[in-house]
Amino acid sequence: AGYIDSTPDGIPAIGEVESIPGFILAAGFSGHGFGIGPGTGHMIADIITGRAPIVDPRPYRPERLKMSAWGKVSEF
C-alpha cells in the first residue's frame, strides 16, 4: 500500500514555483510517474538549461492549480 499523489485536474504539476524562484516541482503523477518520468526529466532538464522544452510545459505549470478547484474554473 502507498499514497498516490494527484492533482485536482489529474494532470501533473511540473515547472518552476513562482513563489520560490529556482525551485522546480514535478509532482501529482497519479501513479503514472514511472511511465512518464523519463519525458518529465527531459523537459525539466530543458527548462533548467534554457533549451526549448521537448514539449510545451505551459499546460503543466503549477500555478494553474490556483485558478481551479477539482478541474473546474473558479468563478471568484
PDB file of N, CA and C in Angstrom:
ATOM      1  N   ALA A   1       0.841  -1.166   0.000  1.00  0.00           N
ATOM      2  CA  ALA A   1       0.000   0.000   0.000  1.00  0.00           C
ATOM      3  C   ALA A   1       0.882   1.223   0.000  1.00  0.00           C
ATOM      4  N   GLY A   2       0.369   2.281  -0.573  1.00  0.00           N
ATOM      5  CA  GLY A   2       1.106   3.534  -0.619  1.00  0.00           C
ATOM      6  C   GLY A   2       0.192   4.654  -1.044  1.00  0.00           C
ATOM      7  N   TYR A   3       0.721   5.825  -0.973  1.00  0.00           N
ATOM      8  CA  TYR A   3      -0.029   7.016  -1.329  1.00  0.00           C
ATOM      9  C   TYR A   3       0.218   7.349  -2.796  1.00  0.00           C
ATOM     10  N   ILE A   4      -0.825   7.613  -3.535  1.00  0.00           N
ATOM     11  CA  ILE A   4      -0.695   8.055  -4.922  1.00  0.00           C
ATOM     12  C   ILE A   4      -1.006   9.538  -4.948  1.00  0.00           C
ATOM     13  N   ASP A   5       0.022  10.333  -5.296  1.00  0.00           N
ATOM     14  CA  ASP A   5      -0.199  11.779  -5.348  1.00  0.00           C
ATOM     15  C   ASP A   5      -0.926  12.138  -6.635  1.00  0.00           C
ATOM     16  N   SER A   6      -1.816  13.071  -6.538  1.00  0.00           N
ATOM     17  CA  SER A   6      -2.546  13.523  -7.715  1.00  0.00           C
ATOM     18  C   SER A   6      -2.922  14.981  -7.538  1.00  0.00           C
ATOM     19  N   THR A   7      -3.262  15.608  -8.622  1.00  0.00           N
ATOM     20  CA  THR A   7      -3.704  16.995  -8.611  1.00  0.00           C
ATOM     21  C   THR A   7      -5.214  17.011  -8.832  1.00  0.00           C
ATOM     22  N   PRO A   8      -5.871  18.117  -8.537  1.00  0.00           N
ATOM     23  CA  PRO A   8      -7.326  18.167  -8.726  1.00  0.00           C
ATOM     24  C   PRO A   8      -7.781  17.870 -10.153  1.00  0.00           C
ATOM     25  N   ASP A   9      -6.958  18.263 -11.138  1.00  0.00           N
ATOM     26  CA  ASP A   9      -7.364  18.029 -12.527  1.00  0.00           C
ATOM     27  C   ASP A   9      -6.754  16.769 -13.131  1.00  0.00           C
ATOM     28  N   GLY A  10      -5.969  16.030 -12.341  1.00  0.00           N
ATOM     29  CA  GLY A  10      -5.385  14.778 -12.819  1.00  0.00           C
ATOM     30  C   GLY A  10      -4.174  14.936 -13.709  1.00  0.00           C
ATOM     31  N   ILE A  11      -3.682  16.153 -13.879  1.00  0.00           N
ATOM     32  CA  ILE A  11      -2.521  16.437 -14.721  1.00  0.00           C
ATOM     33  C   ILE A  11      -1.367  16.817 -13.797  1.00  0.00           C
ATOM     34  N   PRO A  12      -0.176  16.244 -14.001  1.00  0.00           N
ATOM     35  CA  PRO A  12       0.935  16.559 -13.117  1.00  0.00           C
ATOM     36  C   PRO A  12       1.251  18.059 -13.072  1.00  0.00           C
ATOM     37  N   ALA A  13       1.784  18.495 -11.950  1.00  0.00           N
ATOM     38  CA  ALA A  13       2.270  19.862 -11.800  1.00  0.00           C
ATOM     39  C   ALA A  13       3.775  19.819 -12.023  1.00  0.00           C
ATOM     40  N   ILE A  14       4.223  20.444 -13.114  1.00  0.00           N
ATOM     41  CA  ILE A  14       5.633  20.407 -13.487  1.00  0.00           C
ATOM     42  C   ILE A  14       6.063  21.808 -13.875  1.00  0.00           C
ATOM     43  N   GLY A  15       7.080  22.318 -13.213  1.00  0.00           N
ATOM     44  CA  GLY A  15       7.611  23.621 -13.565  1.00  0.00           C
ATOM     45  C   GLY A  15       8.094  24.379 -12.348  1.00  0.00           C
ATOM     46  N   GLU A  16       8.588  25.591 -12.610  1.00  0.00           N
ATOM     47  CA  GLU A  16       9.100  26.424 -11.530  1.00  0.00           C
ATOM     48  C   GLU A  16       7.948  26.977 -10.706  1.00  0.00           C
ATOM     49  N   VAL A  17       8.120  26.970  -9.402  1.00  0.00           N
ATOM     50  CA  VAL A  17       7.127  27.516  -8.485  1.00  0.00           C
ATOM     51  C   VAL A  17       7.391  29.016  -8.379  1.00  0.00           C
ATOM     52  N   GLU A  18       6.386  29.829  -8.745  1.00  0.00           N
ATOM     53  CA  GLU A  18       6.569  31.283  -8.789  1.00  0.00           C
ATOM     54  C   GLU A  18       7.061  31.862  -7.476  1.00  0.00           C
ATOM     55  N   SER A  19       6.541  31.379  -6.372  1.00  0.00           N
ATOM     56  CA  SER A  19       6.879  31.951  -5.074  1.00  0.00           C
ATOM     57  C   SER A  19       8.241  31.492  -4.543  1.00  0.00           C
ATOM     58  N   ILE A  20       8.876  30.518  -5.223  1.00  0.00           N
ATOM     59  CA  ILE A  20      10.190  30.027  -4.812  1.00  0.00           C
ATOM     60  C   ILE A  20      11.083  29.960  -6.059  1.00  0.00           C
ATOM     61  N   PRO A  21      11.653  31.085  -6.470  1.00  0.00           N
ATOM     62  CA  PRO A  21      12.475  31.107  -7.694  1.00  0.00           C
ATOM     63  C   PRO A  21      13.572  30.036  -7.664  1.00  0.00           C
ATOM     64  N   GLY A  22      13.688  29.319  -8.777  1.00  0.00           N
ATOM     65  CA  GLY A  22      14.692  28.270  -8.895  1.00  0.00           C
ATOM     66  C   GLY A  22      14.216  26.900  -8.448  1.00  0.00           C
ATOM     67  N   PHE A  23      13.051  26.834  -7.785  1.00  0.00           N
ATOM     68  CA  PHE A  23      12.515  25.547  -7.333  1.00  0.00           C
ATOM     69  C   PHE A  23      11.632  24.958  -8.425  1.00  0.00           C
ATOM     70  N   ILE A  24      12.038  23.819  -8.947  1.00  0.00           N
ATOM     71  CA  ILE A  24      11.281  23.130  -9.991  1.00  0.00           C
ATOM     72  C   ILE A  24      10.502  21.989  -9.344  1.00  0.00           C
ATOM     73  N   LEU A  25       9.191  21.996  -9.524  1.00  0.00           N
ATOM     74  CA  LEU A  25       8.312  20.981  -8.957  1.00  0.00           C
ATOM     75  C   LEU A  25       7.916  19.978 -10.036  1.00  0.00           C
ATOM     76  N   ALA A  26       7.882  18.724  -9.674  1.00  0.00           N
ATOM     77  CA  ALA A  26       7.366  17.673 -10.548  1.00  0.00           C
ATOM     78  C   ALA A  26       6.630  16.686  -9.636  1.00  0.00           C
ATOM     79  N   ALA A  27       5.300  16.831  -9.563  1.00  0.00           N
ATOM     80  CA  ALA A  27       4.505  16.019  -8.647  1.00  0.00           C
ATOM     81  C   ALA A  27       3.098  15.843  -9.196  1.00  0.00           C
ATOM     82  N   GLY A  28       2.369  14.915  -8.598  1.00  0.00           N
ATOM     83  CA  GLY A  28       0.974  14.713  -8.975  1.00  0.00           C
ATOM     84  C   GLY A  28       0.791  13.831 -10.196  1.00  0.00           C
ATOM     85  N   PHE A  29       1.597  12.793 -10.303  1.00  0.00           N
ATOM     86  CA  PHE A  29       1.544  11.923 -11.481  1.00  0.00           C
ATOM     87  C   PHE A  29       0.456  10.854 -11.420  1.00  0.00           C
ATOM     88  N   SER A  30      -0.287  10.802 -10.354  1.00  0.00           N
ATOM     89  CA  SER A  30      -1.415   9.873 -10.212  1.00  0.00           C
ATOM     90  C   SER A  30      -1.044   8.423 -10.504  1.00  0.00           C
ATOM     91  N   GLY A  31       0.147   8.019 -10.097  1.00  0.00           N
ATOM     92  CA  GLY A  31       0.572   6.645 -10.317  1.00  0.00           C
ATOM     93  C   GLY A  31       1.221   6.389 -11.668  1.00  0.00           C
ATOM     94  N   HIS A  32       1.359   7.416 -12.503  1.00  0.00           N
ATOM     95  CA  HIS A  32       1.924   7.241 -13.842  1.00  0.00           C
ATOM     96  C   HIS A  32       3.361   7.749 -13.946  1.00  0.00           C
ATOM     97  N   GLY A  33       3.966   8.117 -12.817  1.00  0.00           N
ATOM     98  CA  GLY A  33       5.304   8.679 -12.820  1.00  0.00           C
ATOM     99  C   GLY A  33       6.359   7.770 -13.419  1.00  0.00           C
ATOM    100  N   PHE A  34       6.232   6.472 -13.202  1.00  0.00           N
ATOM    101  CA  PHE A  34       7.218   5.537 -13.747  1.00  0.00           C
ATOM    102  C   PHE A  34       7.214   5.590 -15.277  1.00  0.00           C
ATOM    103  N   GLY A  35       6.043   5.700 -15.847  1.00  0.00           N
ATOM    104  CA  GLY A  35       5.933   5.708 -17.306  1.00  0.00           C
ATOM    105  C   GLY A  35       6.300   7.028 -17.954  1.00  0.00           C
ATOM    106  N   ILE A  36       5.924   8.134 -17.319  1.00  0.00           N
ATOM    107  CA  ILE A  36       6.185   9.435 -17.937  1.00  0.00           C
ATOM    108  C   ILE A  36       7.353  10.171 -17.290  1.00  0.00           C
ATOM    109  N   GLY A  37       8.000   9.539 -16.313  1.00  0.00           N
ATOM    110  CA  GLY A  37       9.143  10.140 -15.641  1.00  0.00           C
ATOM    111  C   GLY A  37      10.292  10.510 -16.566  1.00  0.00           C
ATOM    112  N   PRO A  38      10.681   9.634 -17.519  1.00  0.00           N
ATOM    113  CA  PRO A  38      11.786   9.996 -18.403  1.00  0.00           C
ATOM    114  C   PRO A  38      11.505  11.257 -19.240  1.00  0.00           C
ATOM    115  N   GLY A  39      10.310  11.366 -19.757  1.00  0.00           N
ATOM    116  CA  GLY A  39       9.955  12.568 -20.518  1.00  0.00           C
ATOM    117  C   GLY A  39       9.922  13.805 -19.640  1.00  0.00           C
ATOM    118  N   THR A  40       9.427  13.633 -18.410  1.00  0.00           N
ATOM    119  CA  THR A  40       9.402  14.739 -17.457  1.00  0.00           C
ATOM    120  C   THR A  40      10.815  15.187 -17.134  1.00  0.00           C
ATOM    121  N   GLY A  41      11.701  14.235 -16.899  1.00  0.00           N
ATOM    122  CA  GLY A  41      13.098  14.565 -16.619  1.00  0.00           C
ATOM    123  C   GLY A  41      13.745  15.326 -17.752  1.00  0.00           C
ATOM    124  N   HIS A  42      13.443  14.914 -18.972  1.00  0.00           N
ATOM    125  CA  HIS A  42      13.990  15.604 -20.146  1.00  0.00           C
ATOM    126  C   HIS A  42      13.445  17.027 -20.226  1.00  0.00           C
ATOM    127  N   MET A  43      12.149  17.185 -20.013  1.00  0.00           N
ATOM    128  CA  MET A  43      11.545  18.516 -20.067  1.00  0.00           C
ATOM    129  C   MET A  43      12.120  19.418 -18.973  1.00  0.00           C
ATOM    130  N   ILE A  44      12.298  18.902 -17.767  1.00  0.00           N
ATOM    131  CA  ILE A  44      12.857  19.697 -16.679  1.00  0.00           C
ATOM    132  C   ILE A  44      14.307  20.083 -16.996  1.00  0.00           C
ATOM    133  N   ALA A  45      15.071  19.156 -17.542  1.00  0.00           N
ATOM    134  CA  ALA A  45      16.453  19.471 -17.920  1.00  0.00           C
ATOM    135  C   ALA A  45      16.478  20.586 -18.963  1.00  0.00           C
ATOM    136  N   ASP A  46      15.553  20.536 -19.916  1.00  0.00           N
ATOM    137  CA  ASP A  46      15.465  21.601 -20.921  1.00  0.00           C
ATOM    138  C   ASP A  46      15.146  22.941 -20.274  1.00  0.00           C
ATOM    139  N   ILE A  47      14.198  22.942 -19.350  1.00  0.00           N
ATOM    140  CA  ILE A  47      13.805  24.179 -18.668  1.00  0.00           C
ATOM    141  C   ILE A  47      14.991  24.754 -17.893  1.00  0.00           C
ATOM    142  N   ILE A  48      15.688  23.916 -17.159  1.00  0.00           N
ATOM    143  CA  ILE A  48      16.807  24.371 -16.330  1.00  0.00           C
ATOM    144  C   ILE A  48      17.955  24.910 -17.179  1.00  0.00           C
ATOM    145  N   THR A  49      18.238  24.252 -18.292  1.00  0.00           N
ATOM    146  CA  THR A  49      19.365  24.665 -19.128  1.00  0.00           C
ATOM    147  C   THR A  49      19.013  25.757 -20.126  1.00  0.00           C
ATOM    148  N   GLY A  50      17.739  26.121 -20.202  1.00  0.00           N
ATOM    149  CA  GLY A  50      17.334  27.190 -21.104  1.00  0.00           C
ATOM    150  C   GLY A  50      17.088  26.759 -22.537  1.00  0.00           C
ATOM    151  N   ARG A  51      17.101  25.466 -22.796  1.00  0.00           N
ATOM    152  CA  ARG A  51      16.802  24.968 -24.147  1.00  0.00           C
ATOM    153  C   ARG A  51      15.293  24.947 -24.367  1.00  0.00           C
ATOM    154  N   ALA A  52      14.899  24.877 -25.629  1.00  0.00           N
ATOM    155  CA  ALA A  52      13.476  24.746 -25.952  1.00  0.00           C
ATOM    156  C   ALA A  52      13.000  23.394 -25.413  1.00  0.00           C
ATOM    157  N   PRO A  53      11.958  23.380 -24.573  1.00  0.00           N
ATOM    158  CA  PRO A  53      11.490  22.115 -23.987  1.00  0.00           C
ATOM    159  C   PRO A  53      11.006  21.120 -25.038  1.00  0.00           C
ATOM    160  N   ILE A  54      11.188  19.850 -24.722  1.00  0.00           N
ATOM    161  CA  ILE A  54      10.776  18.754 -25.604  1.00  0.00           C
ATOM    162  C   ILE A  54       9.274  18.807 -25.886  1.00  0.00           C
ATOM    163  N   VAL A  55       8.496  19.273 -24.916  1.00  0.00           N
ATOM    164  CA  VAL A  55       7.056  19.501 -25.080  1.00  0.00           C
ATOM    165  C   VAL A  55       6.722  20.851 -24.454  1.00  0.00           C
ATOM    166  N   ASP A  56       5.589  21.394 -24.791  1.00  0.00           N
ATOM    167  CA  ASP A  56       5.148  22.671 -24.235  1.00  0.00           C
ATOM    168  C   ASP A  56       4.864  22.495 -22.745  1.00  0.00           C
ATOM    169  N   PRO A  57       5.607  23.168 -21.864  1.00  0.00           N
ATOM    170  CA  PRO A  57       5.404  22.977 -20.429  1.00  0.00           C
ATOM    171  C   PRO A  57       4.230  23.761 -19.847  1.00  0.00           C
ATOM    172  N   ARG A  58       3.628  24.673 -20.604  1.00  0.00           N
ATOM    173  CA  ARG A  58       2.571  25.532 -20.055  1.00  0.00           C
ATOM    174  C   ARG A  58       1.373  24.774 -19.488  1.00  0.00           C
ATOM    175  N   PRO A  59       0.899  23.712 -20.101  1.00  0.00           N
ATOM    176  CA  PRO A  59      -0.259  23.009 -19.512  1.00  0.00           C
ATOM    177  C   PRO A  59       0.030  22.371 -18.150  1.00  0.00           C
ATOM    178  N   TYR A  60       1.302  22.220 -17.818  1.00  0.00           N
ATOM    179  CA  TYR A  60       1.686  21.550 -16.583  1.00  0.00           C
ATOM    180  C   TYR A  60       2.085  22.519 -15.468  1.00  0.00           C
ATOM    181  N   ARG A  61       2.093  23.812 -15.749  1.00  0.00           N
ATOM    182  CA  ARG A  61       2.590  24.785 -14.767  1.00  0.00           C
ATOM    183  C   ARG A  61       1.815  24.688 -13.452  1.00  0.00           C
ATOM    184  N   PRO A  62       2.523  24.681 -12.342  1.00  0.00           N
ATOM    185  CA  PRO A  62       1.870  24.552 -11.025  1.00  0.00           C
ATOM    186  C   PRO A  62       0.867  25.671 -10.736  1.00  0.00           C
ATOM    187  N   GLU A  63       1.075  26.862 -11.271  1.00  0.00           N
ATOM    188  CA  GLU A  63       0.197  27.995 -10.983  1.00  0.00           C
ATOM    189  C   GLU A  63      -1.238  27.767 -11.452  1.00  0.00           C
ATOM    190  N   ARG A  64      -1.435  26.860 -12.389  1.00  0.00           N
ATOM    191  CA  ARG A  64      -2.792  26.608 -12.890  1.00  0.00           C
ATOM    192  C   ARG A  64      -3.716  26.122 -11.780  1.00  0.00           C
ATOM    193  N   LEU A  65      -3.127  25.523 -10.748  1.00  0.00           N
ATOM    194  CA  LEU A  65      -3.937  24.982  -9.655  1.00  0.00           C
ATOM    195  C   LEU A  65      -4.543  26.077  -8.784  1.00  0.00           C
ATOM    196  N   LYS A  66      -4.026  27.286  -8.883  1.00  0.00           N
ATOM    197  CA  LYS A  66      -4.601  28.406  -8.138  1.00  0.00           C
ATOM    198  C   LYS A  66      -5.930  28.860  -8.745  1.00  0.00           C
ATOM    199  N   MET A  67      -6.157  28.523 -10.013  1.00  0.00           N
ATOM    200  CA  MET A  67      -7.313  29.009 -10.739  1.00  0.00           C
ATOM    201  C   MET A  67      -8.472  28.041 -10.786  1.00  0.00           C
ATOM    202  N   SER A  68      -8.337  26.876 -10.172  1.00  0.00           N
ATOM    203  CA  SER A  68      -9.406  25.898 -10.286  1.00  0.00           C
ATOM    204  C   SER A  68      -9.573  25.107  -8.984  1.00  0.00           C
ATOM    205  N   ALA A  69     -10.704  24.465  -8.886  1.00  0.00           N
ATOM    206  CA  ALA A  69     -10.988  23.571  -7.769  1.00  0.00           C
ATOM    207  C   ALA A  69     -11.496  22.261  -8.364  1.00  0.00           C
ATOM    208  N   TRP A  70     -10.680  21.235  -8.274  1.00  0.00           N
ATOM    209  CA  TRP A  70     -11.027  19.923  -8.805  1.00  0.00           C
ATOM    210  C   TRP A  70     -11.443  19.974 -10.261  1.00  0.00           C
ATOM    211  N   GLY A  71     -10.619  20.681 -11.060  1.00  0.00           N
ATOM    212  CA  GLY A  71     -10.817  20.699 -12.500  1.00  0.00           C
ATOM    213  C   GLY A  71     -11.837  21.689 -12.994  1.00  0.00           C
ATOM    214  N   LYS A  72     -12.453  22.459 -12.106  1.00  0.00           N
ATOM    215  CA  LYS A  72     -13.459  23.427 -12.525  1.00  0.00           C
ATOM    216  C   LYS A  72     -12.922  24.829 -12.302  1.00  0.00           C
ATOM    217  N   VAL A  73     -13.074  25.679 -13.279  1.00  0.00           N
ATOM    218  CA  VAL A  73     -12.582  27.039 -13.181  1.00  0.00           C
ATOM    219  C   VAL A  73     -13.352  27.781 -12.086  1.00  0.00           C
ATOM    220  N   SER A  74     -12.583  28.433 -11.230  1.00  0.00           N
ATOM    221  CA  SER A  74     -13.194  29.184 -10.138  1.00  0.00           C
ATOM    222  C   SER A  74     -13.897  30.438 -10.660  1.00  0.00           C
ATOM    223  N   GLU A  75     -15.025  30.749 -10.097  1.00  0.00           N
ATOM    224  CA  GLU A  75     -15.773  31.942 -10.506  1.00  0.00           C
ATOM    225  C   GLU A  75     -15.422  33.134  -9.642  1.00  0.00           C
ATOM    226  N   PHE A  76     -14.528  32.979  -8.675  1.00  0.00           N
ATOM    227  CA  PHE A  76     -14.194  34.052  -7.744  1.00  0.00           C
ATOM    228  C   PHE A  76     -13.037  34.867  -8.231  1.00  0.00           C
TER     229      PHE A  76
END
